[in-house]
C-alpha cells in the first residue's frame, strides 16, 4: 500500500474499533481514539496540577518532589514545575505504548490534583 503526498491520514474501520493511521515519514503508526482522549485528559490533568501547585505555593506550601524542590533555587518554582510537566508529558506521549500506563497516570494525577486542592483549601 502506497501513500500519496495528499493522503496523510487514512481511516480504517474494523468490527471492534476504528483506527486512524498516520503517516510519519516512512513509519505508519496506529492511533486509537481512546488513546487520544486519554492523552487529552492527561494534558488537562497536567495543567490542573500546574495551576493547583502554583496556588498552593502562593499560600506558603512547598514541593514534595525532592528533585523539583532541588531545582527551585536555581530556576524558580514556576519554571521548575513547568519543566517537570513538559518533560513528563513528552515522555508519556512519545514512549508509552500501552494504554494502561496512560490510564494509571490519569488516575495518579487526578489524586495529586485532589491533594493539591485539599492543601489549598486548608492552608491559612
PDB file of N, CA and C in Angstrom:
ATOM      1  N   UNK A   1       0.843  -1.164   0.000  1.00  0.00           N
ATOM      2  CA  UNK A   1       0.000   0.000   0.000  1.00  0.00           C
ATOM      3  C   UNK A   1       0.896   1.236   0.000  1.00  0.00           C
ATOM      4  N   UNK A   2       0.655   2.128  -0.941  1.00  0.00           N
ATOM      5  CA  UNK A   2       1.424   3.355  -1.025  1.00  0.00           C
ATOM      6  C   UNK A   2       0.560   4.529  -0.641  1.00  0.00           C
ATOM      7  N   UNK A   3       1.208   5.539  -0.051  1.00  0.00           N
ATOM      8  CA  UNK A   3       0.530   6.771   0.297  1.00  0.00           C
ATOM      9  C   UNK A   3       1.011   7.862  -0.635  1.00  0.00           C
ATOM     10  N   UNK A   4       0.086   8.641  -1.110  1.00  0.00           N
ATOM     11  CA  UNK A   4       0.497   9.796  -1.900  1.00  0.00           C
ATOM     12  C   UNK A   4       0.767  10.950  -0.950  1.00  0.00           C
ATOM     13  N   UNK A   5       1.272  12.050  -1.469  1.00  0.00           N
ATOM     14  CA  UNK A   5       1.574  13.209  -0.642  1.00  0.00           C
ATOM     15  C   UNK A   5       0.312  13.802  -0.040  1.00  0.00           C
ATOM     16  N   UNK A   6      -0.826  13.612  -0.692  1.00  0.00           N
ATOM     17  CA  UNK A   6      -2.062  14.191  -0.181  1.00  0.00           C
ATOM     18  C   UNK A   6      -2.772  13.289   0.817  1.00  0.00           C
ATOM     19  N   UNK A   7      -2.466  12.018   0.813  1.00  0.00           N
ATOM     20  CA  UNK A   7      -3.163  11.098   1.710  1.00  0.00           C
ATOM     21  C   UNK A   7      -2.345  10.864   2.975  1.00  0.00           C
ATOM     22  N   UNK A   8      -2.236  11.877   3.798  1.00  0.00           N
ATOM     23  CA  UNK A   8      -1.502  11.758   5.047  1.00  0.00           C
ATOM     24  C   UNK A   8      -2.281  10.917   6.050  1.00  0.00           C
ATOM     25  N   UNK A   9      -3.610  11.075   6.094  1.00  0.00           N
ATOM     26  CA  UNK A   9      -4.432  10.330   7.027  1.00  0.00           C
ATOM     27  C   UNK A   9      -5.267   9.307   6.263  1.00  0.00           C
ATOM     28  N   UNK A  10      -5.401   8.140   6.834  1.00  0.00           N
ATOM     29  CA  UNK A  10      -6.225   7.096   6.237  1.00  0.00           C
ATOM     30  C   UNK A  10      -7.044   6.478   7.359  1.00  0.00           C
ATOM     31  N   UNK A  11      -8.327   6.339   7.143  1.00  0.00           N
ATOM     32  CA  UNK A  11      -9.224   5.813   8.156  1.00  0.00           C
ATOM     33  C   UNK A  11      -9.615   4.384   7.803  1.00  0.00           C
ATOM     34  N   UNK A  12      -9.445   3.469   8.740  1.00  0.00           N
ATOM     35  CA  UNK A  12      -9.830   2.081   8.549  1.00  0.00           C
ATOM     36  C   UNK A  12     -10.791   1.706   9.660  1.00  0.00           C
ATOM     37  N   UNK A  13     -11.900   1.135   9.315  1.00  0.00           N
ATOM     38  CA  UNK A  13     -12.879   0.715  10.315  1.00  0.00           C
ATOM     39  C   UNK A  13     -12.840  -0.800  10.426  1.00  0.00           C
ATOM     40  N   UNK A  14     -12.869  -1.276  11.634  1.00  0.00           N
ATOM     41  CA  UNK A  14     -12.945  -2.712  11.858  1.00  0.00           C
ATOM     42  C   UNK A  14     -14.185  -2.997  12.686  1.00  0.00           C
ATOM     43  N   UNK A  15     -14.406  -4.257  12.958  1.00  0.00           N
ATOM     44  CA  UNK A  15     -15.587  -4.640  13.700  1.00  0.00           C
ATOM     45  C   UNK A  15     -15.499  -4.177  15.155  1.00  0.00           C
ATOM     46  N   UNK A  16     -14.295  -4.107  15.737  1.00  0.00           N
ATOM     47  CA  UNK A  16     -14.139  -3.795  17.153  1.00  0.00           C
ATOM     48  C   UNK A  16     -13.966  -2.308  17.413  1.00  0.00           C
ATOM     49  N   UNK A  17     -13.189  -1.641  16.613  1.00  0.00           N
ATOM     50  CA  UNK A  17     -12.958  -0.210  16.841  1.00  0.00           C
ATOM     51  C   UNK A  17     -12.412   0.402  15.573  1.00  0.00           C
ATOM     52  N   UNK A  18     -12.442   1.709  15.537  1.00  0.00           N
ATOM     53  CA  UNK A  18     -11.857   2.381  14.381  1.00  0.00           C
ATOM     54  C   UNK A  18     -10.425   2.764  14.718  1.00  0.00           C
ATOM     55  N   UNK A  19      -9.590   2.714  13.723  1.00  0.00           N
ATOM     56  CA  UNK A  19      -8.180   3.025  13.886  1.00  0.00           C
ATOM     57  C   UNK A  19      -7.812   4.047  12.827  1.00  0.00           C
ATOM     58  N   UNK A  20      -7.103   5.075  13.239  1.00  0.00           N
ATOM     59  CA  UNK A  20      -6.622   6.079  12.296  1.00  0.00           C
ATOM     60  C   UNK A  20      -5.140   5.822  12.078  1.00  0.00           C
ATOM     61  N   UNK A  21      -4.746   5.710  10.831  1.00  0.00           N
ATOM     62  CA  UNK A  21      -3.341   5.506  10.511  1.00  0.00           C
ATOM     63  C   UNK A  21      -2.733   6.843  10.124  1.00  0.00           C
ATOM     64  N   UNK A  22      -1.653   7.189  10.780  1.00  0.00           N
ATOM     65  CA  UNK A  22      -0.977   8.448  10.499  1.00  0.00           C
ATOM     66  C   UNK A  22       0.380   8.132   9.894  1.00  0.00           C
ATOM     67  N   UNK A  23       0.678   8.765   8.797  1.00  0.00           N
ATOM     68  CA  UNK A  23       1.953   8.537   8.132  1.00  0.00           C
ATOM     69  C   UNK A  23       2.950   9.569   8.627  1.00  0.00           C
ATOM     70  N   UNK A  24       4.015   9.111   9.256  1.00  0.00           N
ATOM     71  CA  UNK A  24       5.084   9.990   9.708  1.00  0.00           C
ATOM     72  C   UNK A  24       6.350   9.511   9.006  1.00  0.00           C
ATOM     73  N   UNK A  25       6.810  10.265   8.040  1.00  0.00           N
ATOM     74  CA  UNK A  25       7.914   9.892   7.146  1.00  0.00           C
ATOM     75  C   UNK A  25       7.619   8.519   6.567  1.00  0.00           C
ATOM     76  N   UNK A  26       8.407   7.495   6.907  1.00  0.00           N
ATOM     77  CA  UNK A  26       8.181   6.177   6.343  1.00  0.00           C
ATOM     78  C   UNK A  26       7.478   5.247   7.332  1.00  0.00           C
ATOM     79  N   UNK A  27       7.106   5.754   8.498  1.00  0.00           N
ATOM     80  CA  UNK A  27       6.518   4.932   9.538  1.00  0.00           C
ATOM     81  C   UNK A  27       5.018   5.216   9.620  1.00  0.00           C
ATOM     82  N   UNK A  28       4.219   4.166   9.706  1.00  0.00           N
ATOM     83  CA  UNK A  28       2.778   4.308   9.870  1.00  0.00           C
ATOM     84  C   UNK A  28       2.436   3.851  11.278  1.00  0.00           C
ATOM     85  N   UNK A  29       1.875   4.774  12.082  1.00  0.00           N
ATOM     86  CA  UNK A  29       1.556   4.477  13.471  1.00  0.00           C
ATOM     87  C   UNK A  29       0.044   4.411  13.659  1.00  0.00           C
ATOM     88  N   UNK A  30      -0.481   3.351  14.288  1.00  0.00           N
ATOM     89  CA  UNK A  30      -1.909   3.329  14.590  1.00  0.00           C
ATOM     90  C   UNK A  30      -2.196   4.141  15.852  1.00  0.00           C
ATOM     91  N   UNK A  31      -3.170   5.014  15.778  1.00  0.00           N
ATOM     92  CA  UNK A  31      -3.585   5.828  16.928  1.00  0.00           C
ATOM     93  C   UNK A  31      -5.038   5.501  17.207  1.00  0.00           C
ATOM     94  N   UNK A  32      -5.328   5.011  18.386  1.00  0.00           N
ATOM     95  CA  UNK A  32      -6.684   4.661  18.744  1.00  0.00           C
ATOM     96  C   UNK A  32      -7.384   5.886  19.323  1.00  0.00           C
ATOM     97  N   UNK A  33      -8.662   6.080  19.015  1.00  0.00           N
ATOM     98  CA  UNK A  33      -9.388   7.234  19.558  1.00  0.00           C
ATOM     99  C   UNK A  33      -9.409   7.270  21.086  1.00  0.00           C
ATOM    100  N   UNK A  34      -9.464   6.117  21.756  1.00  0.00           N
ATOM    101  CA  UNK A  34      -9.467   6.109  23.219  1.00  0.00           C
ATOM    102  C   UNK A  34      -8.139   6.635  23.757  1.00  0.00           C
ATOM    103  N   UNK A  35      -7.053   6.368  23.058  1.00  0.00           N
ATOM    104  CA  UNK A  35      -5.741   6.875  23.471  1.00  0.00           C
ATOM    105  C   UNK A  35      -5.689   8.389  23.319  1.00  0.00           C
ATOM    106  N   UNK A  36      -6.292   8.904  22.257  1.00  0.00           N
ATOM    107  CA  UNK A  36      -6.329  10.359  22.072  1.00  0.00           C
ATOM    108  C   UNK A  36      -7.069  11.030  23.215  1.00  0.00           C
ATOM    109  N   UNK A  37      -8.202  10.461  23.609  1.00  0.00           N
ATOM    110  CA  UNK A  37      -8.954  11.023  24.731  1.00  0.00           C
ATOM    111  C   UNK A  37      -8.153  10.952  26.021  1.00  0.00           C
ATOM    112  N   UNK A  38      -7.463   9.843  26.226  1.00  0.00           N
ATOM    113  CA  UNK A  38      -6.655   9.689  27.434  1.00  0.00           C
ATOM    114  C   UNK A  38      -5.480  10.674  27.438  1.00  0.00           C
ATOM    115  N   UNK A  39      -4.879  10.931  26.275  1.00  0.00           N
ATOM    116  CA  UNK A  39      -3.799  11.911  26.201  1.00  0.00           C
ATOM    117  C   UNK A  39      -4.303  13.326  26.463  1.00  0.00           C
ATOM    118  N   UNK A  40      -5.476  13.653  25.948  1.00  0.00           N
ATOM    119  CA  UNK A  40      -6.050  14.973  26.218  1.00  0.00           C
ATOM    120  C   UNK A  40      -6.357  15.109  27.705  1.00  0.00           C
ATOM    121  N   UNK A  41      -6.903  14.059  28.300  1.00  0.00           N
ATOM    122  CA  UNK A  41      -7.172  14.069  29.733  1.00  0.00           C
ATOM    123  C   UNK A  41      -5.879  14.220  30.525  1.00  0.00           C
ATOM    124  N   UNK A  42      -4.823  13.530  30.103  1.00  0.00           N
ATOM    125  CA  UNK A  42      -3.524  13.628  30.775  1.00  0.00           C
ATOM    126  C   UNK A  42      -2.981  15.050  30.676  1.00  0.00           C
ATOM    127  N   UNK A  43      -3.098  15.664  29.515  1.00  0.00           N
ATOM    128  CA  UNK A  43      -2.621  17.042  29.344  1.00  0.00           C
ATOM    129  C   UNK A  43      -3.416  18.003  30.222  1.00  0.00           C
ATOM    130  N   UNK A  44      -4.730  17.823  30.295  1.00  0.00           N
ATOM    131  CA  UNK A  44      -5.550  18.686  31.142  1.00  0.00           C
ATOM    132  C   UNK A  44      -5.240  18.483  32.621  1.00  0.00           C
ATOM    133  N   UNK A  45      -4.970  17.247  33.021  1.00  0.00           N
ATOM    134  CA  UNK A  45      -4.582  16.999  34.403  1.00  0.00           C
ATOM    135  C   UNK A  45      -3.226  17.623  34.725  1.00  0.00           C
ATOM    136  N   UNK A  46      -2.316  17.624  33.761  1.00  0.00           N
ATOM    137  CA  UNK A  46      -1.024  18.286  33.971  1.00  0.00           C
ATOM    138  C   UNK A  46      -1.222  19.789  34.160  1.00  0.00           C
ATOM    139  N   UNK A  47      -2.103  20.374  33.370  1.00  0.00           N
ATOM    140  CA  UNK A  47      -2.404  21.798  33.506  1.00  0.00           C
ATOM    141  C   UNK A  47      -3.064  22.089  34.857  1.00  0.00           C
ATOM    142  N   UNK A  48      -3.983  21.229  35.267  1.00  0.00           N
ATOM    143  CA  UNK A  48      -4.628  21.398  36.574  1.00  0.00           C
ATOM    144  C   UNK A  48      -3.619  21.247  37.706  1.00  0.00           C
ATOM    145  N   UNK A  49      -2.687  20.301  37.567  1.00  0.00           N
ATOM    146  CA  UNK A  49      -1.656  20.131  38.587  1.00  0.00           C
ATOM    147  C   UNK A  49      -0.752  21.355  38.653  1.00  0.00           C
ATOM    148  N   UNK A  50      -0.414  21.902  37.501  1.00  0.00           N
ATOM    149  CA  UNK A  50       0.431  23.105  37.476  1.00  0.00           C
ATOM    150  C   UNK A  50      -0.260  24.265  38.188  1.00  0.00           C
ATOM    151  N   UNK A  51      -1.515  24.505  37.862  1.00  0.00           N
ATOM    152  CA  UNK A  51      -2.211  25.646  38.464  1.00  0.00           C
ATOM    153  C   UNK A  51      -2.461  25.433  39.957  1.00  0.00           C
ATOM    154  N   UNK A  52      -2.838  24.222  40.363  1.00  0.00           N
ATOM    155  CA  UNK A  52      -3.069  23.996  41.786  1.00  0.00           C
ATOM    156  C   UNK A  52      -1.764  24.012  42.573  1.00  0.00           C
ATOM    157  N   UNK A  53      -0.683  23.524  41.985  1.00  0.00           N
ATOM    158  CA  UNK A  53       0.620  23.581  42.665  1.00  0.00           C
ATOM    159  C   UNK A  53       1.045  25.025  42.873  1.00  0.00           C
ATOM    160  N   UNK A  54       0.899  25.850  41.851  1.00  0.00           N
ATOM    161  CA  UNK A  54       1.271  27.258  41.993  1.00  0.00           C
ATOM    162  C   UNK A  54       0.356  27.974  42.986  1.00  0.00           C
ATOM    163  N   UNK A  55      -0.918  27.573  43.043  1.00  0.00           N
ATOM    164  CA  UNK A  55      -1.835  28.165  44.022  1.00  0.00           C
ATOM    165  C   UNK A  55      -1.424  27.786  45.444  1.00  0.00           C
ATOM    166  N   UNK A  56      -0.999  26.549  45.644  1.00  0.00           N
ATOM    167  CA  UNK A  56      -0.531  26.123  46.968  1.00  0.00           C
ATOM    168  C   UNK A  56       0.757  26.858  47.328  1.00  0.00           C
ATOM    169  N   UNK A  57       1.643  27.063  46.357  1.00  0.00           N
ATOM    170  CA  UNK A  57       2.867  27.841  46.614  1.00  0.00           C
ATOM    171  C   UNK A  57       2.527  29.256  47.070  1.00  0.00           C
ATOM    172  N   UNK A  58       1.489  29.843  46.486  1.00  0.00           N
ATOM    173  CA  UNK A  58       1.126  31.213  46.852  1.00  0.00           C
ATOM    174  C   UNK A  58       0.599  31.301  48.285  1.00  0.00           C
ATOM    175  N   UNK A  59       0.147  30.195  48.824  1.00  0.00           N
ATOM    176  CA  UNK A  59      -0.337  30.162  50.205  1.00  0.00           C
ATOM    177  C   UNK A  59       0.713  29.635  51.172  1.00  0.00           C
ATOM    178  N   UNK A  60       1.953  29.507  50.724  1.00  0.00           N
ATOM    179  CA  UNK A  60       3.022  29.081  51.626  1.00  0.00           C
ATOM    180  C   UNK A  60       3.327  27.601  51.593  1.00  0.00           C
ATOM    181  N   UNK A  61       2.757  26.877  50.662  1.00  0.00           N
ATOM    182  CA  UNK A  61       3.041  25.450  50.552  1.00  0.00           C
ATOM    183  C   UNK A  61       4.413  25.211  49.939  1.00  0.00           C
ATOM    184  N   UNK A  62       4.829  23.971  49.887  1.00  0.00           N
ATOM    185  CA  UNK A  62       6.129  23.619  49.327  1.00  0.00           C
ATOM    186  C   UNK A  62       6.011  22.354  48.488  1.00  0.00           C
ATOM    187  N   UNK A  63       7.005  22.134  47.658  1.00  0.00           N
ATOM    188  CA  UNK A  63       7.032  20.986  46.746  1.00  0.00           C
ATOM    189  C   UNK A  63       7.487  19.745  47.503  1.00  0.00           C
ATOM    190  N   UNK A  64       6.779  18.629  47.316  1.00  0.00           N
ATOM    191  CA  UNK A  64       7.151  17.376  47.959  1.00  0.00           C
ATOM    192  C   UNK A  64       8.157  16.571  47.150  1.00  0.00           C
ATOM    193  N   UNK A  65       8.220  16.797  45.838  1.00  0.00           N
ATOM    194  CA  UNK A  65       9.161  16.069  44.984  1.00  0.00           C
ATOM    195  C   UNK A  65      10.563  16.608  45.243  1.00  0.00           C
ATOM    196  N   UNK A  66      11.495  15.758  45.732  1.00  0.00           N
ATOM    197  CA  UNK A  66      12.830  16.268  46.085  1.00  0.00           C
ATOM    198  C   UNK A  66      13.647  16.757  44.887  1.00  0.00           C
ATOM    199  N   UNK A  67      13.435  16.189  43.718  1.00  0.00           N
ATOM    200  CA  UNK A  67      14.179  16.636  42.536  1.00  0.00           C
ATOM    201  C   UNK A  67      13.743  18.044  42.135  1.00  0.00           C
ATOM    202  N   UNK A  68      12.457  18.266  42.081  1.00  0.00           N
ATOM    203  CA  UNK A  68      11.935  19.582  41.712  1.00  0.00           C
ATOM    204  C   UNK A  68      12.251  20.593  42.806  1.00  0.00           C
ATOM    205  N   UNK A  69      12.156  20.176  44.068  1.00  0.00           N
ATOM    206  CA  UNK A  69      12.495  21.066  45.169  1.00  0.00           C
ATOM    207  C   UNK A  69      13.959  21.480  45.095  1.00  0.00           C
ATOM    208  N   UNK A  70      14.829  20.591  44.639  1.00  0.00           N
ATOM    209  CA  UNK A  70      16.244  20.922  44.465  1.00  0.00           C
ATOM    210  C   UNK A  70      16.494  21.869  43.299  1.00  0.00           C
ATOM    211  N   UNK A  71      15.652  21.816  42.277  1.00  0.00           N
ATOM    212  CA  UNK A  71      15.792  22.722  41.133  1.00  0.00           C
ATOM    213  C   UNK A  71      15.287  24.130  41.409  1.00  0.00           C
ATOM    214  N   UNK A  72      14.367  24.251  42.337  1.00  0.00           N
ATOM    215  CA  UNK A  72      13.703  25.534  42.569  1.00  0.00           C
ATOM    216  C   UNK A  72      14.633  26.687  42.931  1.00  0.00           C
ATOM    217  N   UNK A  73      15.693  26.500  43.721  1.00  0.00           N
ATOM    218  CA  UNK A  73      16.566  27.644  43.987  1.00  0.00           C
ATOM    219  C   UNK A  73      17.267  28.181  42.739  1.00  0.00           C
ATOM    220  N   UNK A  74      17.444  27.328  41.733  1.00  0.00           N
ATOM    221  CA  UNK A  74      18.148  27.752  40.521  1.00  0.00           C
ATOM    222  C   UNK A  74      17.210  28.313  39.459  1.00  0.00           C
ATOM    223  N   UNK A  75      15.996  27.751  39.366  1.00  0.00           N
ATOM    224  CA  UNK A  75      15.094  28.147  38.280  1.00  0.00           C
ATOM    225  C   UNK A  75      13.856  28.897  38.741  1.00  0.00           C
ATOM    226  N   UNK A  76      13.540  28.816  40.000  1.00  0.00           N
ATOM    227  CA  UNK A  76      12.290  29.386  40.485  1.00  0.00           C
ATOM    228  C   UNK A  76      11.203  28.330  40.434  1.00  0.00           C
ATOM    229  N   UNK A  77      10.147  28.526  41.224  1.00  0.00           N
ATOM    230  CA  UNK A  77       9.122  27.478  41.296  1.00  0.00           C
ATOM    231  C   UNK A  77       8.336  27.277  40.005  1.00  0.00           C
ATOM    232  N   UNK A  78       8.028  28.360  39.301  1.00  0.00           N
ATOM    233  CA  UNK A  78       7.204  28.226  38.094  1.00  0.00           C
ATOM    234  C   UNK A  78       7.953  27.449  37.017  1.00  0.00           C
ATOM    235  N   UNK A  79       9.187  27.815  36.762  1.00  0.00           N
ATOM    236  CA  UNK A  79       9.954  27.151  35.705  1.00  0.00           C
ATOM    237  C   UNK A  79      10.267  25.706  36.061  1.00  0.00           C
ATOM    238  N   UNK A  80      10.546  25.418  37.320  1.00  0.00           N
ATOM    239  CA  UNK A  80      10.846  24.044  37.726  1.00  0.00           C
ATOM    240  C   UNK A  80       9.633  23.141  37.534  1.00  0.00           C
ATOM    241  N   UNK A  81       8.466  23.612  37.969  1.00  0.00           N
ATOM    242  CA  UNK A  81       7.251  22.797  37.830  1.00  0.00           C
ATOM    243  C   UNK A  81       6.850  22.689  36.363  1.00  0.00           C
ATOM    244  N   UNK A  82       6.982  23.759  35.614  1.00  0.00           N
ATOM    245  CA  UNK A  82       6.649  23.725  34.187  1.00  0.00           C
ATOM    246  C   UNK A  82       7.586  22.792  33.418  1.00  0.00           C
ATOM    247  N   UNK A  83       8.860  22.774  33.763  1.00  0.00           N
ATOM    248  CA  UNK A  83       9.807  21.857  33.113  1.00  0.00           C
ATOM    249  C   UNK A  83       9.439  20.409  33.416  1.00  0.00           C
ATOM    250  N   UNK A  84       9.035  20.142  34.649  1.00  0.00           N
ATOM    251  CA  UNK A  84       8.621  18.778  35.014  1.00  0.00           C
ATOM    252  C   UNK A  84       7.408  18.355  34.207  1.00  0.00           C
ATOM    253  N   UNK A  85       6.438  19.240  34.081  1.00  0.00           N
ATOM    254  CA  UNK A  85       5.220  18.913  33.335  1.00  0.00           C
ATOM    255  C   UNK A  85       5.524  18.664  31.860  1.00  0.00           C
ATOM    256  N   UNK A  86       6.342  19.516  31.286  1.00  0.00           N
ATOM    257  CA  UNK A  86       6.684  19.370  29.867  1.00  0.00           C
ATOM    258  C   UNK A  86       7.435  18.071  29.612  1.00  0.00           C
ATOM    259  N   UNK A  87       8.416  17.777  30.456  1.00  0.00           N
ATOM    260  CA  UNK A  87       9.188  16.545  30.296  1.00  0.00           C
ATOM    261  C   UNK A  87       8.312  15.311  30.472  1.00  0.00           C
ATOM    262  N   UNK A  88       7.465  15.319  31.495  1.00  0.00           N
ATOM    263  CA  UNK A  88       6.605  14.169  31.747  1.00  0.00           C
ATOM    264  C   UNK A  88       5.630  13.929  30.603  1.00  0.00           C
ATOM    265  N   UNK A  89       4.978  14.992  30.121  1.00  0.00           N
ATOM    266  CA  UNK A  89       4.026  14.813  29.030  1.00  0.00           C
ATOM    267  C   UNK A  89       4.724  14.322  27.765  1.00  0.00           C
ATOM    268  N   UNK A  90       5.892  14.869  27.467  1.00  0.00           N
ATOM    269  CA  UNK A  90       6.628  14.434  26.276  1.00  0.00           C
ATOM    270  C   UNK A  90       7.015  12.965  26.370  1.00  0.00           C
ATOM    271  N   UNK A  91       7.492  12.530  27.530  1.00  0.00           N
ATOM    272  CA  UNK A  91       7.873  11.128  27.698  1.00  0.00           C
ATOM    273  C   UNK A  91       6.668  10.192  27.568  1.00  0.00           C
ATOM    274  N   UNK A  92       5.560  10.565  28.180  1.00  0.00           N
ATOM    275  CA  UNK A  92       4.368   9.722  28.096  1.00  0.00           C
ATOM    276  C   UNK A  92       3.842   9.683  26.667  1.00  0.00           C
ATOM    277  N   UNK A  93       3.805  10.827  26.016  1.00  0.00           N
ATOM    278  CA  UNK A  93       3.288  10.893  24.648  1.00  0.00           C
ATOM    279  C   UNK A  93       4.143  10.093  23.673  1.00  0.00           C
ATOM    280  N   UNK A  94       5.458  10.159  23.814  1.00  0.00           N
ATOM    281  CA  UNK A  94       6.342   9.509  22.845  1.00  0.00           C
ATOM    282  C   UNK A  94       6.592   8.032  23.135  1.00  0.00           C
ATOM    283  N   UNK A  95       6.672   7.653  24.416  1.00  0.00           N
ATOM    284  CA  UNK A  95       7.192   6.329  24.718  1.00  0.00           C
ATOM    285  C   UNK A  95       6.215   5.356  25.359  1.00  0.00           C
ATOM    286  N   UNK A  96       5.048   5.792  25.780  1.00  0.00           N
ATOM    287  CA  UNK A  96       4.123   4.819  26.369  1.00  0.00           C
ATOM    288  C   UNK A  96       3.356   4.136  25.244  1.00  0.00           C
ATOM    289  N   UNK A  97       3.498   2.852  25.163  1.00  0.00           N
ATOM    290  CA  UNK A  97       2.851   2.069  24.109  1.00  0.00           C
ATOM    291  C   UNK A  97       1.570   1.400  24.591  1.00  0.00           C
ATOM    292  N   UNK A  98       1.417   1.311  25.879  1.00  0.00           N
ATOM    293  CA  UNK A  98       0.259   0.624  26.430  1.00  0.00           C
ATOM    294  C   UNK A  98      -0.700   1.636  27.034  1.00  0.00           C
ATOM    295  N   UNK A  99      -1.991   1.423  26.795  1.00  0.00           N
ATOM    296  CA  UNK A  99      -2.994   2.355  27.299  1.00  0.00           C
ATOM    297  C   UNK A  99      -3.106   2.338  28.816  1.00  0.00           C
ATOM    298  N   UNK A 100      -2.838   1.199  29.451  1.00  0.00           N
ATOM    299  CA  UNK A 100      -2.995   1.133  30.895  1.00  0.00           C
ATOM    300  C   UNK A 100      -2.019   2.057  31.597  1.00  0.00           C
ATOM    301  N   UNK A 101      -0.856   2.309  31.008  1.00  0.00           N
ATOM    302  CA  UNK A 101       0.100   3.241  31.605  1.00  0.00           C
ATOM    303  C   UNK A 101      -0.498   4.640  31.621  1.00  0.00           C
ATOM    304  N   UNK A 102      -1.130   5.013  30.543  1.00  0.00           N
ATOM    305  CA  UNK A 102      -1.759   6.327  30.448  1.00  0.00           C
ATOM    306  C   UNK A 102      -2.948   6.433  31.394  1.00  0.00           C
ATOM    307  N   UNK A 103      -3.741   5.371  31.512  1.00  0.00           N
ATOM    308  CA  UNK A 103      -4.875   5.379  32.428  1.00  0.00           C
ATOM    309  C   UNK A 103      -4.399   5.470  33.886  1.00  0.00           C
ATOM    310  N   UNK A 104      -3.337   4.748  34.199  1.00  0.00           N
ATOM    311  CA  UNK A 104      -2.771   4.813  35.547  1.00  0.00           C
ATOM    312  C   UNK A 104      -2.254   6.224  35.839  1.00  0.00           C
ATOM    313  N   UNK A 105      -1.576   6.838  34.871  1.00  0.00           N
ATOM    314  CA  UNK A 105      -1.102   8.217  35.045  1.00  0.00           C
ATOM    315  C   UNK A 105      -2.250   9.187  35.253  1.00  0.00           C
ATOM    316  N   UNK A 106      -3.343   9.000  34.539  1.00  0.00           N
ATOM    317  CA  UNK A 106      -4.516   9.854  34.723  1.00  0.00           C
ATOM    318  C   UNK A 106      -5.088   9.708  36.127  1.00  0.00           C
ATOM    319  N   UNK A 107      -5.193   8.483  36.604  1.00  0.00           N
ATOM    320  CA  UNK A 107      -5.720   8.258  37.957  1.00  0.00           C
ATOM    321  C   UNK A 107      -4.782   8.856  39.003  1.00  0.00           C
ATOM    322  N   UNK A 108      -3.479   8.682  38.793  1.00  0.00           N
ATOM    323  CA  UNK A 108      -2.493   9.216  39.724  1.00  0.00           C
ATOM    324  C   UNK A 108      -2.550  10.738  39.777  1.00  0.00           C
ATOM    325  N   UNK A 109      -2.602  11.383  38.631  1.00  0.00           N
ATOM    326  CA  UNK A 109      -2.625  12.842  38.622  1.00  0.00           C
ATOM    327  C   UNK A 109      -3.970  13.405  39.047  1.00  0.00           C
ATOM    328  N   UNK A 110      -5.048  12.655  38.901  1.00  0.00           N
ATOM    329  CA  UNK A 110      -6.326  13.092  39.469  1.00  0.00           C
ATOM    330  C   UNK A 110      -6.230  13.115  40.986  1.00  0.00           C
ATOM    331  N   UNK A 111      -5.559  12.126  41.568  1.00  0.00           N
ATOM    332  CA  UNK A 111      -5.353  12.104  43.018  1.00  0.00           C
ATOM    333  C   UNK A 111      -4.436  13.248  43.459  1.00  0.00           C
ATOM    334  N   UNK A 112      -3.396  13.536  42.670  1.00  0.00           N
ATOM    335  CA  UNK A 112      -2.471  14.625  43.010  1.00  0.00           C
ATOM    336  C   UNK A 112      -3.180  15.970  42.952  1.00  0.00           C
ATOM    337  N   UNK A 113      -4.006  16.187  41.944  1.00  0.00           N
ATOM    338  CA  UNK A 113      -4.759  17.445  41.838  1.00  0.00           C
ATOM    339  C   UNK A 113      -5.730  17.559  43.012  1.00  0.00           C
ATOM    340  N   UNK A 114      -6.360  16.450  43.393  1.00  0.00           N
ATOM    341  CA  UNK A 114      -7.255  16.473  44.551  1.00  0.00           C
ATOM    342  C   UNK A 114      -6.493  16.825  45.822  1.00  0.00           C
ATOM    343  N   UNK A 115      -5.300  16.256  45.995  1.00  0.00           N
ATOM    344  CA  UNK A 115      -4.463  16.579  47.149  1.00  0.00           C
ATOM    345  C   UNK A 115      -4.080  18.061  47.144  1.00  0.00           C
ATOM    346  N   UNK A 116      -3.704  18.585  45.999  1.00  0.00           N
ATOM    347  CA  UNK A 116      -3.350  19.999  45.908  1.00  0.00           C
ATOM    348  C   UNK A 116      -4.539  20.891  46.265  1.00  0.00           C
ATOM    349  N   UNK A 117      -5.719  20.533  45.796  1.00  0.00           N
ATOM    350  CA  UNK A 117      -6.912  21.314  46.134  1.00  0.00           C
ATOM    351  C   UNK A 117      -7.209  21.262  47.628  1.00  0.00           C
ATOM    352  N   UNK A 118      -7.029  20.094  48.235  1.00  0.00           N
ATOM    353  CA  UNK A 118      -7.230  19.962  49.670  1.00  0.00           C
ATOM    354  C   UNK A 118      -6.227  20.824  50.437  1.00  0.00           C
ATOM    355  N   UNK A 119      -4.964  20.783  50.017  1.00  0.00           N
ATOM    356  CA  UNK A 119      -3.928  21.616  50.670  1.00  0.00           C
ATOM    357  C   UNK A 119      -4.239  23.098  50.492  1.00  0.00           C
ATOM    358  N   UNK A 120      -4.744  23.467  49.322  1.00  0.00           N
ATOM    359  CA  UNK A 120      -5.075  24.871  49.071  1.00  0.00           C
ATOM    360  C   UNK A 120      -6.221  25.320  49.967  1.00  0.00           C
ATOM    361  N   UNK A 121      -7.210  24.459  50.165  1.00  0.00           N
ATOM    362  CA  UNK A 121      -8.373  24.844  50.950  1.00  0.00           C
ATOM    363  C   UNK A 121      -8.091  24.919  52.452  1.00  0.00           C
ATOM    364  N   UNK A 122      -7.188  24.068  52.967  1.00  0.00           N
ATOM    365  CA  UNK A 122      -6.913  24.079  54.400  1.00  0.00           C
ATOM    366  C   UNK A 122      -5.740  24.960  54.781  1.00  0.00           C
ATOM    367  N   UNK A 123      -5.009  25.476  53.787  1.00  0.00           N
ATOM    368  CA  UNK A 123      -3.864  26.342  54.095  1.00  0.00           C
ATOM    369  C   UNK A 123      -4.359  27.660  54.660  1.00  0.00           C
ATOM    370  N   UNK A 124      -3.609  28.242  55.602  1.00  0.00           N
ATOM    371  CA  UNK A 124      -4.048  29.518  56.194  1.00  0.00           C
ATOM    372  C   UNK A 124      -3.964  30.679  55.236  1.00  0.00           C
TER     373      UNK A 124
END
